[in-house]
Amino acid sequence: MKKIFMFLLSVLFITFTSQVHSYDATKYAICYGEMTKAHKARGFHQSNRSASILVKETVCKAYAEGEDLNYEGKGQ
């Protein structure tokens, strides 16, 4: 009985402490496109492509998960 109680308590704890992240693929795609355009305009995309991709992936993932960001190229 004690094991069942501990198991249920653990499940309850995990349920309440886990965070549900929403992800908007459209926001990600728009962000990625706008940032790529901005990076190309200032030469960052050509001069350091791997860093440009890493920055875009990191920023756009956070933006797609609902973070309120003012990323480079937003709205262009």
N, C-alpha and C. Protein backbone atom coordinates (compact mmCIF):
# COMPACT_ATOMS: atom_id res chain seq x y z
N MET A 1 0.82 -1.18 0.00
CA MET A 1 0.00 0.00 0.00
C MET A 1 0.87 1.26 0.00
N LYS A 2 1.96 1.21 0.75
CA LYS A 2 2.86 2.35 0.83
C LYS A 2 3.50 2.61 -0.53
N LYS A 3 3.83 1.56 -1.26
CA LYS A 3 4.44 1.72 -2.58
C LYS A 3 3.46 2.36 -3.56
N ILE A 4 2.22 1.94 -3.50
CA ILE A 4 1.20 2.51 -4.38
C ILE A 4 1.01 4.00 -4.06
N PHE A 5 0.95 4.31 -2.79
CA PHE A 5 0.80 5.70 -2.38
C PHE A 5 1.98 6.54 -2.87
N MET A 6 3.19 6.04 -2.73
CA MET A 6 4.37 6.78 -3.17
C MET A 6 4.38 6.95 -4.70
N PHE A 7 3.94 5.91 -5.40
CA PHE A 7 3.87 5.97 -6.85
C PHE A 7 2.87 7.05 -7.28
N LEU A 8 1.69 7.04 -6.70
CA LEU A 8 0.67 8.05 -7.03
C LEU A 8 1.13 9.45 -6.67
N LEU A 9 1.79 9.58 -5.56
CA LEU A 9 2.33 10.87 -5.15
C LEU A 9 3.39 11.35 -6.14
N SER A 10 4.22 10.46 -6.61
CA SER A 10 5.26 10.80 -7.59
C SER A 10 4.63 11.25 -8.90
N VAL A 11 3.62 10.52 -9.35
CA VAL A 11 2.94 10.87 -10.60
C VAL A 11 2.28 12.24 -10.46
N LEU A 12 1.65 12.48 -9.35
CA LEU A 12 1.02 13.76 -9.09
C LEU A 12 2.04 14.89 -9.09
N PHE A 13 3.18 14.67 -8.46
CA PHE A 13 4.24 15.67 -8.41
C PHE A 13 4.78 15.97 -9.81
N ILE A 14 5.03 14.94 -10.58
CA ILE A 14 5.56 15.12 -11.94
C ILE A 14 4.55 15.87 -12.80
N THR A 15 3.28 15.53 -12.65
CA THR A 15 2.24 16.19 -13.42
C THR A 15 2.18 17.68 -13.14
N PHE A 16 2.26 18.05 -11.89
CA PHE A 16 2.17 19.46 -11.53
C PHE A 16 3.44 20.25 -11.80
N THR A 17 4.58 19.59 -11.80
CA THR A 17 5.84 20.32 -11.99
C THR A 17 6.30 20.39 -13.43
N SER A 18 5.74 19.53 -14.28
CA SER A 18 6.18 19.56 -15.68
C SER A 18 5.56 20.75 -16.37
N GLN A 19 6.33 21.37 -17.24
CA GLN A 19 5.85 22.52 -17.97
C GLN A 19 5.48 22.09 -19.38
N VAL A 20 4.38 22.60 -19.86
CA VAL A 20 3.94 22.30 -21.21
C VAL A 20 4.38 23.46 -22.09
N HIS A 21 5.17 23.15 -23.10
CA HIS A 21 5.66 24.18 -24.02
C HIS A 21 4.88 24.08 -25.32
N SER A 22 4.31 25.18 -25.72
CA SER A 22 3.67 25.21 -27.03
C SER A 22 4.73 25.64 -28.04
N TYR A 23 4.58 25.19 -29.25
CA TYR A 23 5.55 25.49 -30.28
C TYR A 23 4.79 25.86 -31.54
N ASP A 24 5.07 27.04 -32.09
CA ASP A 24 4.40 27.52 -33.28
C ASP A 24 5.37 27.47 -34.45
N ALA A 25 5.19 26.47 -35.31
CA ALA A 25 6.10 26.27 -36.45
C ALA A 25 6.05 27.44 -37.43
N THR A 26 4.90 28.08 -37.56
CA THR A 26 4.78 29.23 -38.46
C THR A 26 5.63 30.39 -37.95
N LYS A 27 5.56 30.64 -36.64
CA LYS A 27 6.39 31.71 -36.06
C LYS A 27 7.87 31.42 -36.28
N TYR A 28 8.25 30.16 -36.12
CA TYR A 28 9.66 29.76 -36.32
C TYR A 28 10.09 30.06 -37.75
N ALA A 29 9.27 29.64 -38.71
CA ALA A 29 9.62 29.82 -40.13
C ALA A 29 9.73 31.30 -40.49
N ILE A 30 8.79 32.11 -40.02
CA ILE A 30 8.83 33.55 -40.31
C ILE A 30 10.08 34.18 -39.69
N CYS A 31 10.34 33.85 -38.44
CA CYS A 31 11.52 34.36 -37.73
C CYS A 31 12.80 33.98 -38.48
N TYR A 32 12.90 32.71 -38.86
CA TYR A 32 14.10 32.21 -39.52
C TYR A 32 14.32 32.93 -40.85
N GLY A 33 13.25 33.12 -41.61
CA GLY A 33 13.36 33.82 -42.89
C GLY A 33 13.77 35.26 -42.73
N GLU A 34 13.16 35.96 -41.77
CA GLU A 34 13.50 37.36 -41.55
C GLU A 34 14.93 37.51 -41.05
N MET A 35 15.35 36.62 -40.17
CA MET A 35 16.73 36.71 -39.66
C MET A 35 17.74 36.37 -40.76
N THR A 36 17.42 35.41 -41.61
CA THR A 36 18.31 35.06 -42.71
C THR A 36 18.49 36.26 -43.63
N LYS A 37 17.40 36.92 -43.94
CA LYS A 37 17.46 38.12 -44.79
C LYS A 37 18.34 39.19 -44.15
N ALA A 38 18.17 39.41 -42.85
CA ALA A 38 18.98 40.42 -42.15
C ALA A 38 20.44 40.01 -42.09
N HIS A 39 20.72 38.74 -41.84
CA HIS A 39 22.11 38.26 -41.77
C HIS A 39 22.79 38.38 -43.13
N LYS A 40 22.04 38.08 -44.20
CA LYS A 40 22.61 38.21 -45.54
C LYS A 40 22.90 39.67 -45.87
N ALA A 41 22.01 40.56 -45.44
CA ALA A 41 22.17 41.99 -45.74
C ALA A 41 23.42 42.57 -45.11
N ARG A 42 23.81 42.07 -43.95
CA ARG A 42 25.02 42.61 -43.31
C ARG A 42 26.24 41.70 -43.47
N GLY A 43 26.10 40.62 -44.25
CA GLY A 43 27.23 39.76 -44.56
C GLY A 43 27.54 38.69 -43.54
N PHE A 44 26.78 38.60 -42.48
CA PHE A 44 27.04 37.60 -41.43
C PHE A 44 26.77 36.19 -41.94
N HIS A 45 25.74 36.03 -42.75
CA HIS A 45 25.37 34.72 -43.29
C HIS A 45 26.50 34.15 -44.15
N GLN A 46 27.17 35.00 -44.91
CA GLN A 46 28.24 34.55 -45.80
C GLN A 46 29.56 34.38 -45.05
N SER A 47 29.85 35.27 -44.12
CA SER A 47 31.16 35.25 -43.47
C SER A 47 31.28 34.19 -42.37
N ASN A 48 30.18 33.89 -41.72
CA ASN A 48 30.23 32.90 -40.63
C ASN A 48 28.90 32.14 -40.59
N ARG A 49 28.71 31.32 -41.60
CA ARG A 49 27.44 30.64 -41.81
C ARG A 49 27.03 29.76 -40.61
N SER A 50 27.98 29.02 -40.05
CA SER A 50 27.62 28.13 -38.93
C SER A 50 27.14 28.91 -37.71
N ALA A 51 27.77 30.05 -37.43
CA ALA A 51 27.33 30.88 -36.29
C ALA A 51 25.97 31.51 -36.60
N SER A 52 25.78 31.93 -37.85
CA SER A 52 24.51 32.51 -38.26
C SER A 52 23.37 31.52 -38.07
N ILE A 53 23.59 30.28 -38.47
CA ILE A 53 22.57 29.24 -38.32
C ILE A 53 22.28 28.97 -36.85
N LEU A 54 23.33 28.88 -36.04
CA LEU A 54 23.15 28.62 -34.61
C LEU A 54 22.35 29.74 -33.94
N VAL A 55 22.66 30.98 -34.27
CA VAL A 55 21.93 32.12 -33.71
C VAL A 55 20.46 32.06 -34.12
N LYS A 56 20.22 31.83 -35.40
CA LYS A 56 18.84 31.78 -35.90
C LYS A 56 18.06 30.64 -35.24
N GLU A 57 18.66 29.47 -35.14
CA GLU A 57 17.97 28.33 -34.54
C GLU A 57 17.63 28.60 -33.07
N THR A 58 18.57 29.16 -32.34
CA THR A 58 18.37 29.44 -30.91
C THR A 58 17.29 30.50 -30.69
N VAL A 59 17.41 31.61 -31.39
CA VAL A 59 16.47 32.72 -31.23
C VAL A 59 15.08 32.32 -31.71
N CYS A 60 14.99 31.71 -32.86
CA CYS A 60 13.68 31.38 -33.43
C CYS A 60 12.98 30.28 -32.66
N LYS A 61 13.72 29.37 -32.07
CA LYS A 61 13.11 28.33 -31.23
C LYS A 61 12.46 28.98 -30.01
N ALA A 62 13.18 29.89 -29.38
CA ALA A 62 12.63 30.60 -28.21
C ALA A 62 11.40 31.41 -28.61
N TYR A 63 11.47 32.07 -29.75
CA TYR A 63 10.35 32.88 -30.24
C TYR A 63 9.14 31.99 -30.54
N ALA A 64 9.37 30.84 -31.15
CA ALA A 64 8.28 29.91 -31.49
C ALA A 64 7.64 29.30 -30.25
N GLU A 65 8.40 29.24 -29.16
CA GLU A 65 7.86 28.70 -27.91
C GLU A 65 7.15 29.77 -27.08
N GLY A 66 7.05 30.98 -27.61
CA GLY A 66 6.25 32.00 -26.96
C GLY A 66 7.03 33.11 -26.28
N GLU A 67 8.33 33.08 -26.37
CA GLU A 67 9.14 34.14 -25.78
C GLU A 67 8.94 35.42 -26.59
N ASP A 68 8.76 36.53 -25.91
CA ASP A 68 8.54 37.82 -26.58
C ASP A 68 9.90 38.43 -26.91
N LEU A 69 10.32 38.29 -28.16
CA LEU A 69 11.64 38.74 -28.58
C LEU A 69 11.55 39.79 -29.67
N ASN A 70 12.53 40.64 -29.71
CA ASN A 70 12.68 41.63 -30.75
C ASN A 70 13.93 41.26 -31.53
N TYR A 71 13.85 40.20 -32.32
CA TYR A 71 15.01 39.67 -33.02
C TYR A 71 15.40 40.52 -34.24
N GLU A 72 16.62 40.34 -34.68
CA GLU A 72 17.13 41.08 -35.84
C GLU A 72 16.32 40.75 -37.10
N GLY A 73 15.82 41.77 -37.74
CA GLY A 73 15.05 41.59 -38.98
C GLY A 73 13.56 41.43 -38.76
N LYS A 74 13.11 41.50 -37.53
CA LYS A 74 11.68 41.30 -37.25
C LYS A 74 10.82 42.33 -37.96
N GLY A 75 9.82 41.85 -38.67
CA GLY A 75 8.89 42.72 -39.35
C GLY A 75 9.35 43.25 -40.69
N GLN A 76 10.46 42.74 -41.19
CA GLN A 76 10.98 43.24 -42.47
C GLN A 76 10.54 42.36 -43.61
